[in-house]
Structure formats: C-alpha cells, structure tokens
PDB file of all heavy atoms in Angstrom:
ATOM      1  N   THR A   1     161.287 107.165 168.898  1.00  0.00           N
ATOM      2  CA  THR A   1     159.758 107.492 168.800  1.00  0.00           C
ATOM      3  C   THR A   1     159.561 108.864 169.419  1.00  0.00           C
ATOM      4  O   THR A   1     160.203 109.236 170.439  1.00  0.00           O
ATOM      5  CB  THR A   1     158.872 106.428 169.391  1.00  0.00           C
ATOM      6  OG1 THR A   1     157.564 106.744 169.232  1.00  0.00           O
ATOM      7  CG2 THR A   1     159.200 106.280 170.924  1.00  0.00           C
ATOM      8  N   ASN A   2     158.782 109.686 168.718  1.00  0.00           N
ATOM      9  CA  ASN A   2     158.245 111.035 169.215  1.00  0.00           C
ATOM     10  C   ASN A   2     156.743 110.960 169.426  1.00  0.00           C
ATOM     11  O   ASN A   2     156.128 110.455 168.499  1.00  0.00           O
ATOM     12  CB  ASN A   2     158.751 112.172 168.340  1.00  0.00           C
ATOM     13  CG  ASN A   2     160.146 112.606 168.650  1.00  0.00           C
ATOM     14  OD1 ASN A   2     160.924 111.865 169.334  1.00  0.00           O
ATOM     15  ND2 ASN A   2     160.566 113.780 168.084  1.00  0.00           N
ATOM     16  N   PRO A   3     156.158 111.622 170.352  1.00  0.00           N
ATOM     17  CA  PRO A   3     156.855 112.390 171.480  1.00  0.00           C
ATOM     18  C   PRO A   3     157.685 111.399 172.353  1.00  0.00           C
ATOM     19  O   PRO A   3     157.453 110.250 172.523  1.00  0.00           O
ATOM     20  CB  PRO A   3     155.589 112.853 172.277  1.00  0.00           C
ATOM     21  CG  PRO A   3     154.492 112.832 171.415  1.00  0.00           C
ATOM     22  CD  PRO A   3     154.713 111.616 170.538  1.00  0.00           C
ATOM     23  N   THR A   4     158.708 112.066 172.867  1.00  0.00           N
ATOM     24  CA  THR A   4     159.703 111.345 173.708  1.00  0.00           C
ATOM     25  C   THR A   4     159.748 111.888 175.109  1.00  0.00           C
ATOM     26  O   THR A   4     158.983 112.738 175.420  1.00  0.00           O
ATOM     27  CB  THR A   4     161.078 111.273 172.971  1.00  0.00           C
ATOM     28  OG1 THR A   4     162.011 110.433 173.638  1.00  0.00           O
ATOM     29  CG2 THR A   4     161.573 112.701 172.763  1.00  0.00           C
ATOM     30  N   PHE A   5     160.891 111.651 175.740  1.00  0.00           N
ATOM     31  CA  PHE A   5     161.138 112.183 177.085  1.00  0.00           C
ATOM     32  C   PHE A   5     162.559 112.288 177.406  1.00  0.00           C
ATOM     33  O   PHE A   5     163.320 111.534 176.783  1.00  0.00           O
ATOM     34  CB  PHE A   5     160.392 111.302 178.187  1.00  0.00           C
ATOM     35  CG  PHE A   5     161.055 109.967 178.407  1.00  0.00           C
ATOM     36  CD1 PHE A   5     161.843 109.802 179.499  1.00  0.00           C
ATOM     37  CD2 PHE A   5     160.781 108.886 177.503  1.00  0.00           C
ATOM     38  CE1 PHE A   5     162.425 108.541 179.665  1.00  0.00           C
ATOM     39  CE2 PHE A   5     161.391 107.703 177.692  1.00  0.00           C
ATOM     40  CZ  PHE A   5     162.236 107.495 178.876  1.00  0.00           C
ATOM     41  N   ASP A   6     162.870 113.024 178.312  1.00  0.00           N
ATOM     42  CA  ASP A   6     164.297 113.145 178.875  1.00  0.00           C
ATOM     43  C   ASP A   6     164.336 112.372 180.157  1.00  0.00           C
ATOM     44  O   ASP A   6     163.627 112.686 181.196  1.00  0.00           O
ATOM     45  CB  ASP A   6     164.645 114.738 179.215  1.00  0.00           C
ATOM     46  CG  ASP A   6     166.088 114.771 179.644  1.00  0.00           C
ATOM     47  OD1 ASP A   6     166.708 113.782 179.938  1.00  0.00           O
ATOM     48  OD2 ASP A   6     166.497 115.947 179.788  1.00  0.00           O
ATOM     49  N   PRO A   7     165.102 111.269 180.217  1.00  0.00           N
ATOM     50  CA  PRO A   7     165.140 110.376 181.352  1.00  0.00           C
ATOM     51  C   PRO A   7     165.756 111.142 182.491  1.00  0.00           C
ATOM     52  O   PRO A   7     165.600 110.632 183.646  1.00  0.00           O
ATOM     53  CB  PRO A   7     166.026 109.214 180.902  1.00  0.00           C
ATOM     54  CG  PRO A   7     166.674 109.703 179.651  1.00  0.00           C
ATOM     55  CD  PRO A   7     165.815 110.678 179.085  1.00  0.00           C
ATOM     56  N   ASN A   8     166.481 112.120 182.428  1.00  0.00           N
ATOM     57  CA  ASN A   8     167.052 113.033 183.459  1.00  0.00           C
ATOM     58  C   ASN A   8     165.806 113.648 184.255  1.00  0.00           C
ATOM     59  O   ASN A   8     165.919 113.973 185.428  1.00  0.00           O
ATOM     60  CB  ASN A   8     167.906 114.012 183.017  1.00  0.00           C
ATOM     61  CG  ASN A   8     169.196 113.508 182.482  1.00  0.00           C
ATOM     62  OD1 ASN A   8     169.929 112.778 183.156  1.00  0.00           O
ATOM     63  ND2 ASN A   8     169.583 113.893 181.219  1.00  0.00           N
ATOM     64  N   ASN A   9     164.724 113.712 183.525  1.00  0.00           N
ATOM     65  CA  ASN A   9     163.514 114.464 184.112  1.00  0.00           C
ATOM     66  C   ASN A   9     162.289 113.795 183.779  1.00  0.00           C
ATOM     67  O   ASN A   9     161.234 114.484 183.444  1.00  0.00           O
ATOM     68  CB  ASN A   9     163.596 115.978 183.636  1.00  0.00           C
ATOM     69  CG  ASN A   9     162.658 116.818 184.357  1.00  0.00           C
ATOM     70  OD1 ASN A   9     162.383 116.617 185.576  1.00  0.00           O
ATOM     71  ND2 ASN A   9     162.143 117.843 183.780  1.00  0.00           N
ATOM     72  N   PHE A  10     162.356 112.435 183.952  1.00  0.00           N
ATOM     73  CA  PHE A  10     161.096 111.648 183.551  1.00  0.00           C
ATOM     74  C   PHE A  10     159.902 111.976 184.274  1.00  0.00           C
ATOM     75  O   PHE A  10     158.776 111.905 183.799  1.00  0.00           O
ATOM     76  CB  PHE A  10     161.469 110.067 183.591  1.00  0.00           C
ATOM     77  CG  PHE A  10     161.627 109.635 184.996  1.00  0.00           C
ATOM     78  CD1 PHE A  10     160.578 109.248 185.750  1.00  0.00           C
ATOM     79  CD2 PHE A  10     162.944 109.614 185.550  1.00  0.00           C
ATOM     80  CE1 PHE A  10     160.699 108.753 187.049  1.00  0.00           C
ATOM     81  CE2 PHE A  10     163.079 109.114 186.811  1.00  0.00           C
ATOM     82  CZ  PHE A  10     162.039 108.723 187.635  1.00  0.00           C
ATOM     83  N   ALA A  11     160.011 112.400 185.550  1.00  0.00           N
ATOM     84  CA  ALA A  11     158.870 112.567 186.401  1.00  0.00           C
ATOM     85  C   ALA A  11     157.892 113.677 185.834  1.00  0.00           C
ATOM     86  O   ALA A  11     156.772 113.765 186.180  1.00  0.00           O
ATOM     87  CB  ALA A  11     159.256 112.876 187.811  1.00  0.00           C
ATOM     88  N   ASN A  12     158.520 114.585 185.116  1.00  0.00           N
ATOM     89  CA  ASN A  12     157.771 115.783 184.599  1.00  0.00           C
ATOM     90  C   ASN A  12     157.287 115.558 183.184  1.00  0.00           C
ATOM     91  O   ASN A  12     156.977 116.455 182.430  1.00  0.00           O
ATOM     92  CB  ASN A  12     158.631 117.014 184.640  1.00  0.00           C
ATOM     93  CG  ASN A  12     158.910 117.429 186.179  1.00  0.00           C
ATOM     94  OD1 ASN A  12     158.050 117.285 186.990  1.00  0.00           O
ATOM     95  ND2 ASN A  12     160.044 118.050 186.363  1.00  0.00           N
ATOM     96  N   THR A  13     157.297 114.288 182.806  1.00  0.00           N
ATOM     97  CA  THR A  13     156.899 113.918 181.380  1.00  0.00           C
ATOM     98  C   THR A  13     155.628 112.947 181.573  1.00  0.00           C
ATOM     99  O   THR A  13     155.641 112.074 182.359  1.00  0.00           O
ATOM    100  CB  THR A  13     157.958 113.190 180.599  1.00  0.00           C
ATOM    101  OG1 THR A  13     159.159 113.992 180.606  1.00  0.00           O
ATOM    102  CG2 THR A  13     157.617 112.948 179.264  1.00  0.00           C
ATOM    103  N   PRO A  14     154.620 113.168 180.660  1.00  0.00           N
ATOM    104  CA  PRO A  14     153.454 112.260 180.686  1.00  0.00           C
ATOM    105  C   PRO A  14     153.959 110.814 180.522  1.00  0.00           C
ATOM    106  O   PRO A  14     154.830 110.532 179.637  1.00  0.00           O
ATOM    107  CB  PRO A  14     152.670 112.734 179.476  1.00  0.00           C
ATOM    108  CG  PRO A  14     153.020 114.226 179.257  1.00  0.00           C
ATOM    109  CD  PRO A  14     154.489 114.188 179.636  1.00  0.00           C
ATOM    110  N   PRO A  15     153.469 109.903 181.376  1.00  0.00           N
ATOM    111  CA  PRO A  15     153.956 108.531 181.234  1.00  0.00           C
ATOM    112  C   PRO A  15     153.748 107.821 179.906  1.00  0.00           C
ATOM    113  O   PRO A  15     154.512 106.992 179.516  1.00  0.00           O
ATOM    114  CB  PRO A  15     152.975 107.697 182.296  1.00  0.00           C
ATOM    115  CG  PRO A  15     152.631 108.786 183.335  1.00  0.00           C
ATOM    116  CD  PRO A  15     152.556 110.097 182.568  1.00  0.00           C
ATOM    117  N   GLU A  16     152.713 108.330 179.128  1.00  0.00           N
ATOM    118  CA  GLU A  16     152.574 107.761 177.832  1.00  0.00           C
ATOM    119  C   GLU A  16     153.806 108.075 176.937  1.00  0.00           C
ATOM    120  O   GLU A  16     154.055 107.351 175.919  1.00  0.00           O
ATOM    121  CB  GLU A  16     151.313 108.188 177.139  1.00  0.00           C
ATOM    122  CG  GLU A  16     151.176 109.760 176.999  1.00  0.00           C
ATOM    123  CD  GLU A  16     150.420 110.411 178.105  1.00  0.00           C
ATOM    124  OE1 GLU A  16     150.379 109.808 179.241  1.00  0.00           O
ATOM    125  OE2 GLU A  16     149.728 111.407 177.957  1.00  0.00           O
ATOM    126  N   ASN A  17     154.531 109.120 177.257  1.00  0.00           N
ATOM    127  CA  ASN A  17     155.750 109.392 176.432  1.00  0.00           C
ATOM    128  C   ASN A  17     156.827 108.523 176.779  1.00  0.00           C
ATOM    129  O   ASN A  17     157.928 108.504 176.041  1.00  0.00           O
ATOM    130  CB  ASN A  17     156.120 110.887 176.575  1.00  0.00           C
ATOM    131  CG  ASN A  17     155.242 111.809 175.918  1.00  0.00           C
ATOM    132  OD1 ASN A  17     154.209 111.431 175.263  1.00  0.00           O
ATOM    133  ND2 ASN A  17     155.477 113.115 176.012  1.00  0.00           N
ATOM    134  N   TRP A  18     156.853 107.724 177.857  1.00  0.00           N
ATOM    135  CA  TRP A  18     157.828 106.836 178.138  1.00  0.00           C
ATOM    136  C   TRP A  18     157.801 105.586 177.261  1.00  0.00           C
ATOM    137  O   TRP A  18     158.813 104.771 177.205  1.00  0.00           O
ATOM    138  CB  TRP A  18     157.707 106.254 179.628  1.00  0.00           C
ATOM    139  CG  TRP A  18     157.749 107.390 180.598  1.00  0.00           C
ATOM    140  CD1 TRP A  18     158.165 108.689 180.436  1.00  0.00           C
ATOM    141  CD2 TRP A  18     157.281 107.332 182.066  1.00  0.00           C
ATOM    142  NE1 TRP A  18     157.965 109.452 181.677  1.00  0.00           N
ATOM    143  CE2 TRP A  18     157.450 108.662 182.644  1.00  0.00           C
ATOM    144  CE3 TRP A  18     156.911 106.320 182.738  1.00  0.00           C
ATOM    145  CZ2 TRP A  18     157.108 108.896 183.947  1.00  0.00           C
ATOM    146  CZ3 TRP A  18     156.474 106.529 184.078  1.00  0.00           C
ATOM    147  CH2 TRP A  18     156.650 107.685 184.704  1.00  0.00           C
ATOM    148  N   THR A  19     156.704 105.405 176.610  1.00  0.00           N
ATOM    149  CA  THR A  19     156.398 104.139 175.745  1.00  0.00           C
ATOM    150  C   THR A  19     157.405 104.049 174.572  1.00  0.00           C
ATOM    151  O   THR A  19     157.573 105.105 173.864  1.00  0.00           O
ATOM    152  CB  THR A  19     154.998 104.085 175.358  1.00  0.00           C
ATOM    153  OG1 THR A  19     154.115 104.077 176.560  1.00  0.00           O
ATOM    154  CG2 THR A  19     154.736 102.847 174.559  1.00  0.00           C
ATOM    155  N   ASN A  20     157.923 102.920 174.398  1.00  0.00           N
ATOM    156  CA  ASN A  20     158.635 102.684 173.213  1.00  0.00           C
ATOM    157  C   ASN A  20     157.749 102.094 172.092  1.00  0.00           C
ATOM    158  O   ASN A  20     157.498 100.878 172.052  1.00  0.00           O
ATOM    159  CB  ASN A  20     159.807 101.700 173.376  1.00  0.00           C
ATOM    160  CG  ASN A  20     160.757 101.611 172.189  1.00  0.00           C
ATOM    161  OD1 ASN A  20     160.356 101.847 171.103  1.00  0.00           O
ATOM    162  ND2 ASN A  20     161.998 101.223 172.391  1.00  0.00           N
ATOM    163  N   ARG A  21     157.242 103.055 171.296  1.00  0.00           N
ATOM    164  CA  ARG A  21     156.177 102.592 170.293  1.00  0.00           C
ATOM    165  C   ARG A  21     156.891 101.653 169.244  1.00  0.00           C
ATOM    166  O   ARG A  21     156.003 100.869 168.576  1.00  0.00           O
ATOM    167  CB  ARG A  21     155.572 103.796 169.589  1.00  0.00           C
ATOM    168  CG  ARG A  21     154.834 104.709 170.638  1.00  0.00           C
ATOM    169  CD  ARG A  21     154.380 105.946 169.926  1.00  0.00           C
ATOM    170  NE  ARG A  21     153.955 106.956 170.969  1.00  0.00           N
ATOM    171  CZ  ARG A  21     154.768 107.842 171.595  1.00  0.00           C
ATOM    172  NH1 ARG A  21     155.968 107.800 171.237  1.00  0.00           N
ATOM    173  NH2 ARG A  21     154.241 108.619 172.470  1.00  0.00           N
ATOM    174  N   ALA A  22     158.129 101.583 169.093  1.00  0.00           N
ATOM    175  CA  ALA A  22     158.691 100.705 168.132  1.00  0.00           C
ATOM    176  C   ALA A  22     158.451  99.328 168.498  1.00  0.00           C
ATOM    177  O   ALA A  22     158.467  98.477 167.565  1.00  0.00           O
ATOM    178  CB  ALA A  22     160.187 101.000 167.963  1.00  0.00           C
ATOM    179  N   ILE A  23     158.292  99.008 169.710  1.00  0.00           N
ATOM    180  CA  ILE A  23     158.045  97.516 170.106  1.00  0.00           C
ATOM    181  C   ILE A  23     156.657  97.334 170.748  1.00  0.00           C
ATOM    182  O   ILE A  23     156.276  96.213 170.973  1.00  0.00           O
ATOM    183  CB  ILE A  23     159.072  97.089 171.163  1.00  0.00           C
ATOM    184  CG1 ILE A  23     158.920  97.874 172.433  1.00  0.00           C
ATOM    185  CG2 ILE A  23     160.513  97.276 170.580  1.00  0.00           C
ATOM    186  CD1 ILE A  23     159.860  97.355 173.608  1.00  0.00           C
ATOM    187  N   SER A  24     155.952  98.397 170.862  1.00  0.00           N
ATOM    188  CA  SER A  24     154.608  98.251 171.689  1.00  0.00           C
ATOM    189  C   SER A  24     153.360  98.743 170.967  1.00  0.00           C
ATOM    190  O   SER A  24     152.245  98.456 171.398  1.00  0.00           O
ATOM    191  CB  SER A  24     154.631  98.984 173.076  1.00  0.00           C
ATOM    192  OG  SER A  24     154.813 100.287 172.850  1.00  0.00           O
ATOM    193  N   MET A  25     153.616  99.493 169.824  1.00  0.00           N
ATOM    194  CA  MET A  25     152.396 100.020 169.168  1.00  0.00           C
ATOM    195  C   MET A  25     151.825  98.900 168.190  1.00  0.00           C
ATOM    196  O   MET A  25     152.356  98.369 167.340  1.00  0.00           O
ATOM    197  CB  MET A  25     153.082 101.213 168.220  1.00  0.00           C
ATOM    198  CG  MET A  25     151.896 101.757 167.310  1.00  0.00           C
ATOM    199  SD  MET A  25     152.622 102.991 166.253  1.00  0.00           S
ATOM    200  CE  MET A  25     151.328 103.425 165.176  1.00  0.00           C
ATOM    201  N   ASN A  26     150.554  98.701 168.497  1.00  0.00           N
ATOM    202  CA  ASN A  26     149.785  97.755 167.642  1.00  0.00           C
ATOM    203  C   ASN A  26     149.076  98.483 166.667  1.00  0.00           C
ATOM    204  O   ASN A  26     148.225  99.392 166.923  1.00  0.00           O
ATOM    205  CB  ASN A  26     148.831  96.977 168.501  1.00  0.00           C
ATOM    206  CG  ASN A  26     149.512  95.971 169.432  1.00  0.00           C
ATOM    207  OD1 ASN A  26     150.338  95.248 168.994  1.00  0.00           O
ATOM    208  ND2 ASN A  26     149.100  95.991 170.646  1.00  0.00           N
ATOM    209  N   TYR A  27     149.258  98.215 165.363  1.00  0.00           N
ATOM    210  CA  TYR A  27     148.607  99.031 164.219  1.00  0.00           C
ATOM    211  C   TYR A  27     148.447  98.128 163.042  1.00  0.00           C
ATOM    212  O   TYR A  27     149.214  97.196 162.898  1.00  0.00           O
ATOM    213  CB  TYR A  27     149.435 100.304 164.040  1.00  0.00           C
ATOM    214  CG  TYR A  27     150.587 100.045 163.179  1.00  0.00           C
ATOM    215  CD1 TYR A  27     150.727 100.389 161.828  1.00  0.00           C
ATOM    216  CD2 TYR A  27     151.761  99.452 163.823  1.00  0.00           C
ATOM    217  CE1 TYR A  27     151.886 100.191 161.141  1.00  0.00           C
ATOM    218  CE2 TYR A  27     153.027  99.208 163.087  1.00  0.00           C
ATOM    219  CZ  TYR A  27     152.894  99.566 161.655  1.00  0.00           C
ATOM    220  OH  TYR A  27     154.144  99.337 160.963  1.00  0.00           O
ATOM    221  N   GLU A  28     147.459  98.566 162.161  1.00  0.00           N
ATOM    222  CA  GLU A  28     147.263  97.876 160.916  1.00  0.00           C
ATOM    223  C   GLU A  28     148.254  98.441 159.971  1.00  0.00           C
ATOM    224  O   GLU A  28     148.390  99.654 159.718  1.00  0.00           O
ATOM    225  CB  GLU A  28     145.804  98.060 160.418  1.00  0.00           C
ATOM    226  CG  GLU A  28     144.815  97.341 161.258  1.00  0.00           C
ATOM    227  CD  GLU A  28     143.406  97.360 160.695  1.00  0.00           C
ATOM    228  OE1 GLU A  28     143.322  97.656 159.395  1.00  0.00           O
ATOM    229  OE2 GLU A  28     142.421  97.272 161.379  1.00  0.00           O
ATOM    230  N   PRO A  29     149.072  97.628 159.408  1.00  0.00           N
ATOM    231  CA  PRO A  29     150.281  98.076 158.530  1.00  0.00           C
ATOM    232  C   PRO A  29     149.946  98.600 157.266  1.00  0.00           C
ATOM    233  O   PRO A  29     150.867  99.348 156.560  1.00  0.00           O
ATOM    234  CB  PRO A  29     151.184  96.868 158.532  1.00  0.00           C
ATOM    235  CG  PRO A  29     150.240  95.746 158.552  1.00  0.00           C
ATOM    236  CD  PRO A  29     149.158  96.114 159.552  1.00  0.00           C
ATOM    237  N   GLY A  30     148.834  98.286 156.758  1.00  0.00           N
ATOM    238  CA  GLY A  30     148.439  98.702 155.397  1.00  0.00           C
ATOM    239  C   GLY A  30     149.437  98.050 154.302  1.00  0.00           C
ATOM    240  O   GLY A  30     149.860  96.924 154.494  1.00  0.00           O
ATOM    241  N   SER A  31     149.707  98.842 153.292  1.00  0.00           N
ATOM    242  CA  SER A  31     150.306  98.264 152.084  1.00  0.00           C
ATOM    243  C   SER A  31     151.776  97.728 152.362  1.00  0.00           C
ATOM    244  O   SER A  31     152.248  96.958 151.501  1.00  0.00           O
ATOM    245  CB  SER A  31     150.204  99.119 150.991  1.00  0.00           C
ATOM    246  OG  SER A  31     148.946  99.372 150.550  1.00  0.00           O
ATOM    247  N   THR A  32     152.424  98.180 153.450  1.00  0.00           N
ATOM    248  CA  THR A  32     153.790  97.658 153.689  1.00  0.00           C
ATOM    249  C   THR A  32     153.660  96.139 153.871  1.00  0.00           C
ATOM    250  O   THR A  32     154.702  95.444 153.627  1.00  0.00           O
ATOM    251  CB  THR A  32     154.402  98.312 154.970  1.00  0.00           C
ATOM    252  OG1 THR A  32     153.483  98.335 156.013  1.00  0.00           O
ATOM    253  CG2 THR A  32     154.704  99.763 154.635  1.00  0.00           C
ATOM    254  N   PHE A  33     152.550  95.677 154.265  1.00  0.00           N
ATOM    255  CA  PHE A  33     152.351  94.211 154.501  1.00  0.00           C
ATOM    256  C   PHE A  33     152.325  93.394 153.345  1.00  0.00           C
ATOM    257  O   PHE A  33     152.473  92.176 153.285  1.00  0.00           O
ATOM    258  CB  PHE A  33     151.088  93.974 155.431  1.00  0.00           C
ATOM    259  CG  PHE A  33     151.032  92.545 155.920  1.00  0.00           C
ATOM    260  CD1 PHE A  33     151.629  92.151 157.106  1.00  0.00           C
ATOM    261  CD2 PHE A  33     150.200  91.654 155.290  1.00  0.00           C
ATOM    262  CE1 PHE A  33     151.598  90.837 157.556  1.00  0.00           C
ATOM    263  CE2 PHE A  33     150.057  90.387 155.728  1.00  0.00           C
ATOM    264  CZ  PHE A  33     150.808  89.958 156.890  1.00  0.00           C
ATOM    265  N   LYS A  34     152.011  94.055 152.151  1.00  0.00           N
ATOM    266  CA  LYS A  34     151.976  93.336 150.860  1.00  0.00           C
ATOM    267  C   LYS A  34     153.183  92.671 150.545  1.00  0.00           C
ATOM    268  O   LYS A  34     153.148  91.688 149.732  1.00  0.00           O
ATOM    269  CB  LYS A  34     151.567  94.424 149.696  1.00  0.00           C
ATOM    270  CG  LYS A  34     150.128  94.907 149.856  1.00  0.00           C
ATOM    271  CD  LYS A  34     149.823  96.068 148.944  1.00  0.00           C
ATOM    272  CE  LYS A  34     148.419  96.567 149.060  1.00  0.00           C
ATOM    273  NZ  LYS A  34     148.089  97.718 148.237  1.00  0.00           N
ATOM    274  N   VAL A  35     154.373  93.137 151.137  1.00  0.00           N
ATOM    275  CA  VAL A  35     155.637  92.362 150.887  1.00  0.00           C
ATOM    276  C   VAL A  35     155.585  90.963 151.449  1.00  0.00           C
ATOM    277  O   VAL A  35     156.105  90.100 150.828  1.00  0.00           O
ATOM    278  CB  VAL A  35     156.754  93.211 151.538  1.00  0.00           C
ATOM    279  CG1 VAL A  35     158.079  92.397 151.433  1.00  0.00           C
ATOM    280  CG2 VAL A  35     156.959  94.550 150.794  1.00  0.00           C
TER     281      VAL A  35
END
C-alpha cells in the first residue's frame, strides 16, 4: 500500500503511513461486490 514507509526510519514517517490498508481499510467496494 502507498503511501508507505521505510521501517529503517519509521520515526520520521507519519504514523498513518505505517497502516496496512490491505487489511484495515474499510470502504464500499462498489461493483466488484457484484461477483
């Protein structure tokens, strides 16, 4: 997921960029849900 972060330098990255949106992003899927 992007924006992302470099774990070697995580302290200088906004905490929201640490989030793995692939498992935590809640969203309405739209037409992909038609399947």
